[in-house]
Amino acid sequence: MLIRVIPENKATGKTAAMYESEVRDRGRAHDTTKVFSLRPEIFEKWQELSKAIRGTMRLRRYELVCMAALKALRCTN
């Protein structure tokens, strides 16, 4: 399945700001961020949800839950 994204060099407005923030904080715009490029307002809500979930558990548990979900979904990434 191919997901259409806005490339970093063509991003404007909220999408450009989203990419710039990711590059500043993490060194590059990750693919998981780029998935939200067509709907940056959804990315903001996703970040809020993610922080709320991570805030209730230790990092190691969060990582294990993510790995279990990826395995259950047969994700190859």
N, C-alpha and C. Protein backbone atom coordinates (compact mmCIF):
# COMPACT_ATOMS: atom_id res chain seq x y z
N MET A 1 0.85 -1.18 0.00
CA MET A 1 0.00 0.00 0.00
C MET A 1 0.89 1.24 0.00
N LEU A 2 0.61 2.16 -0.86
CA LEU A 2 1.36 3.40 -0.96
C LEU A 2 0.55 4.52 -0.35
N ILE A 3 1.18 5.27 0.53
CA ILE A 3 0.52 6.40 1.18
C ILE A 3 1.09 7.68 0.59
N ARG A 4 0.23 8.53 0.11
CA ARG A 4 0.67 9.80 -0.47
C ARG A 4 1.00 10.79 0.64
N VAL A 5 2.16 11.43 0.53
CA VAL A 5 2.58 12.43 1.50
C VAL A 5 3.07 13.67 0.75
N ILE A 6 3.15 14.77 1.47
CA ILE A 6 3.72 15.99 0.92
C ILE A 6 5.22 15.95 1.22
N PRO A 7 6.06 16.02 0.19
CA PRO A 7 7.50 16.02 0.42
C PRO A 7 7.93 17.25 1.23
N GLU A 8 9.00 17.10 1.97
CA GLU A 8 9.48 18.21 2.81
C GLU A 8 9.73 19.47 2.00
N ASN A 9 10.28 19.34 0.81
CA ASN A 9 10.62 20.52 0.01
C ASN A 9 9.40 21.19 -0.61
N LYS A 10 8.22 20.59 -0.51
CA LYS A 10 7.00 21.19 -1.05
C LYS A 10 6.00 21.55 0.05
N ALA A 11 6.36 21.32 1.29
CA ALA A 11 5.47 21.57 2.42
C ALA A 11 5.32 23.06 2.68
N THR A 12 4.11 23.46 3.05
CA THR A 12 3.82 24.85 3.41
C THR A 12 2.96 24.85 4.67
N GLY A 13 2.84 26.01 5.29
CA GLY A 13 1.94 26.19 6.42
C GLY A 13 2.19 25.23 7.57
N LYS A 14 1.11 24.63 8.07
CA LYS A 14 1.20 23.73 9.22
C LYS A 14 2.05 22.50 8.93
N THR A 15 2.00 22.03 7.70
CA THR A 15 2.79 20.85 7.35
C THR A 15 4.28 21.19 7.40
N ALA A 16 4.66 22.33 6.88
CA ALA A 16 6.06 22.76 6.94
C ALA A 16 6.50 22.93 8.39
N ALA A 17 5.65 23.52 9.20
CA ALA A 17 5.97 23.71 10.62
C ALA A 17 6.13 22.36 11.33
N MET A 18 5.28 21.42 10.97
CA MET A 18 5.33 20.07 11.55
C MET A 18 6.67 19.42 11.21
N TYR A 19 7.08 19.51 9.95
CA TYR A 19 8.35 18.94 9.52
C TYR A 19 9.52 19.65 10.20
N GLU A 20 9.49 20.98 10.24
CA GLU A 20 10.58 21.74 10.85
C GLU A 20 10.75 21.38 12.33
N SER A 21 9.64 21.23 13.03
CA SER A 21 9.68 20.85 14.44
C SER A 21 10.31 19.46 14.61
N GLU A 22 9.93 18.55 13.75
CA GLU A 22 10.46 17.19 13.81
C GLU A 22 11.97 17.18 13.53
N VAL A 23 12.39 17.93 12.54
CA VAL A 23 13.82 18.01 12.20
C VAL A 23 14.59 18.64 13.36
N ARG A 24 14.05 19.70 13.93
CA ARG A 24 14.70 20.38 15.06
C ARG A 24 14.82 19.44 16.27
N ASP A 25 13.73 18.72 16.57
CA ASP A 25 13.71 17.89 17.78
C ASP A 25 14.35 16.52 17.60
N ARG A 26 14.29 15.97 16.39
CA ARG A 26 14.73 14.58 16.20
C ARG A 26 15.76 14.39 15.09
N GLY A 27 16.13 15.48 14.44
CA GLY A 27 17.16 15.39 13.42
C GLY A 27 16.66 15.14 12.01
N ARG A 28 15.44 14.70 11.87
CA ARG A 28 14.83 14.47 10.55
C ARG A 28 13.33 14.31 10.72
N ALA A 29 12.62 14.45 9.61
CA ALA A 29 11.17 14.21 9.63
C ALA A 29 10.95 12.72 9.39
N HIS A 30 10.44 12.03 10.37
CA HIS A 30 10.23 10.59 10.29
C HIS A 30 9.03 10.25 9.41
N ASP A 31 9.05 9.05 8.86
CA ASP A 31 7.96 8.60 7.99
C ASP A 31 6.62 8.63 8.72
N THR A 32 6.64 8.30 10.01
CA THR A 32 5.40 8.31 10.77
C THR A 32 4.81 9.72 10.85
N THR A 33 5.64 10.73 10.82
CA THR A 33 5.17 12.11 10.80
C THR A 33 4.65 12.48 9.42
N LYS A 34 5.37 12.05 8.40
CA LYS A 34 4.99 12.37 7.02
C LYS A 34 3.62 11.83 6.65
N VAL A 35 3.21 10.74 7.29
CA VAL A 35 1.89 10.16 7.02
C VAL A 35 0.79 11.18 7.29
N PHE A 36 1.05 12.08 8.22
CA PHE A 36 0.05 13.09 8.59
C PHE A 36 0.17 14.37 7.77
N SER A 37 1.03 14.39 6.75
CA SER A 37 1.31 15.64 6.04
C SER A 37 0.09 16.25 5.35
N LEU A 38 -0.84 15.43 4.93
CA LEU A 38 -2.05 15.97 4.29
C LEU A 38 -3.06 16.49 5.31
N ARG A 39 -2.91 16.07 6.56
CA ARG A 39 -3.83 16.50 7.62
C ARG A 39 -3.05 16.84 8.89
N PRO A 40 -2.28 17.92 8.90
CA PRO A 40 -1.45 18.23 10.06
C PRO A 40 -2.24 18.45 11.35
N GLU A 41 -3.51 18.85 11.22
CA GLU A 41 -4.32 19.03 12.43
C GLU A 41 -4.57 17.69 13.12
N ILE A 42 -4.61 16.62 12.36
CA ILE A 42 -4.76 15.28 12.94
C ILE A 42 -3.47 14.90 13.67
N PHE A 43 -2.33 15.30 13.13
CA PHE A 43 -1.03 15.03 13.76
C PHE A 43 -0.98 15.63 15.16
N GLU A 44 -1.49 16.85 15.30
CA GLU A 44 -1.53 17.50 16.61
C GLU A 44 -2.34 16.67 17.60
N LYS A 45 -3.48 16.18 17.17
CA LYS A 45 -4.32 15.34 18.04
C LYS A 45 -3.65 14.01 18.34
N TRP A 46 -2.96 13.45 17.33
CA TRP A 46 -2.24 12.19 17.52
C TRP A 46 -1.15 12.37 18.58
N GLN A 47 -0.44 13.49 18.53
CA GLN A 47 0.59 13.75 19.54
C GLN A 47 -0.01 13.84 20.93
N GLU A 48 -1.14 14.50 21.06
CA GLU A 48 -1.81 14.60 22.36
C GLU A 48 -2.20 13.22 22.88
N LEU A 49 -2.79 12.40 22.02
CA LEU A 49 -3.19 11.05 22.41
C LEU A 49 -1.96 10.22 22.80
N SER A 50 -0.94 10.28 22.00
CA SER A 50 0.28 9.51 22.26
C SER A 50 0.90 9.90 23.60
N LYS A 51 0.97 11.20 23.88
CA LYS A 51 1.52 11.66 25.15
C LYS A 51 0.66 11.19 26.33
N ALA A 52 -0.65 11.20 26.15
CA ALA A 52 -1.54 10.74 27.22
C ALA A 52 -1.34 9.26 27.50
N ILE A 53 -1.17 8.47 26.45
CA ILE A 53 -0.94 7.03 26.63
C ILE A 53 0.42 6.78 27.26
N ARG A 54 1.45 7.41 26.73
CA ARG A 54 2.80 7.20 27.25
C ARG A 54 2.94 7.70 28.67
N GLY A 55 2.18 8.72 29.02
CA GLY A 55 2.27 9.29 30.36
C GLY A 55 1.78 8.37 31.45
N THR A 56 1.06 7.32 31.08
CA THR A 56 0.51 6.41 32.09
C THR A 56 1.34 5.15 32.28
N MET A 57 2.45 5.02 31.55
CA MET A 57 3.28 3.82 31.68
C MET A 57 4.75 4.14 31.49
N ARG A 58 5.57 3.25 31.98
CA ARG A 58 7.01 3.41 31.80
C ARG A 58 7.37 3.21 30.33
N LEU A 59 8.48 3.83 29.94
CA LEU A 59 8.92 3.77 28.55
C LEU A 59 9.07 2.33 28.07
N ARG A 60 9.67 1.47 28.88
CA ARG A 60 9.89 0.07 28.47
C ARG A 60 8.57 -0.63 28.17
N ARG A 61 7.58 -0.43 29.01
CA ARG A 61 6.28 -1.05 28.79
C ARG A 61 5.63 -0.51 27.51
N TYR A 62 5.73 0.81 27.32
CA TYR A 62 5.18 1.43 26.10
C TYR A 62 5.83 0.80 24.87
N GLU A 63 7.15 0.65 24.88
CA GLU A 63 7.85 0.06 23.75
C GLU A 63 7.42 -1.39 23.52
N LEU A 64 7.24 -2.15 24.59
CA LEU A 64 6.79 -3.54 24.46
C LEU A 64 5.38 -3.62 23.89
N VAL A 65 4.51 -2.74 24.32
CA VAL A 65 3.15 -2.71 23.79
C VAL A 65 3.17 -2.38 22.30
N CYS A 66 4.00 -1.42 21.92
CA CYS A 66 4.12 -1.07 20.51
C CYS A 66 4.64 -2.25 19.69
N MET A 67 5.65 -2.93 20.19
CA MET A 67 6.20 -4.09 19.49
C MET A 67 5.16 -5.20 19.36
N ALA A 68 4.40 -5.43 20.41
CA ALA A 68 3.36 -6.46 20.37
C ALA A 68 2.29 -6.10 19.33
N ALA A 69 1.92 -4.83 19.28
CA ALA A 69 0.92 -4.39 18.31
C ALA A 69 1.46 -4.56 16.88
N LEU A 70 2.71 -4.18 16.66
CA LEU A 70 3.30 -4.33 15.33
C LEU A 70 3.34 -5.80 14.91
N LYS A 71 3.68 -6.66 15.85
CA LYS A 71 3.72 -8.09 15.54
C LYS A 71 2.33 -8.61 15.22
N ALA A 72 1.35 -8.22 16.02
CA ALA A 72 -0.03 -8.67 15.81
C ALA A 72 -0.56 -8.20 14.45
N LEU A 73 -0.12 -7.02 14.01
CA LEU A 73 -0.56 -6.48 12.73
C LEU A 73 0.30 -6.96 11.57
N ARG A 74 1.31 -7.77 11.89
CA ARG A 74 2.26 -8.30 10.90
C ARG A 74 2.94 -7.17 10.12
N CYS A 75 3.29 -6.13 10.82
CA CYS A 75 3.98 -4.98 10.22
C CYS A 75 5.41 -5.38 9.87
N THR A 76 5.86 -5.01 8.69
CA THR A 76 7.21 -5.36 8.26
C THR A 76 8.20 -4.23 8.45
N ASN A 77 7.77 -3.11 8.98
CA ASN A 77 8.71 -1.98 9.15
C ASN A 77 9.41 -2.08 10.47
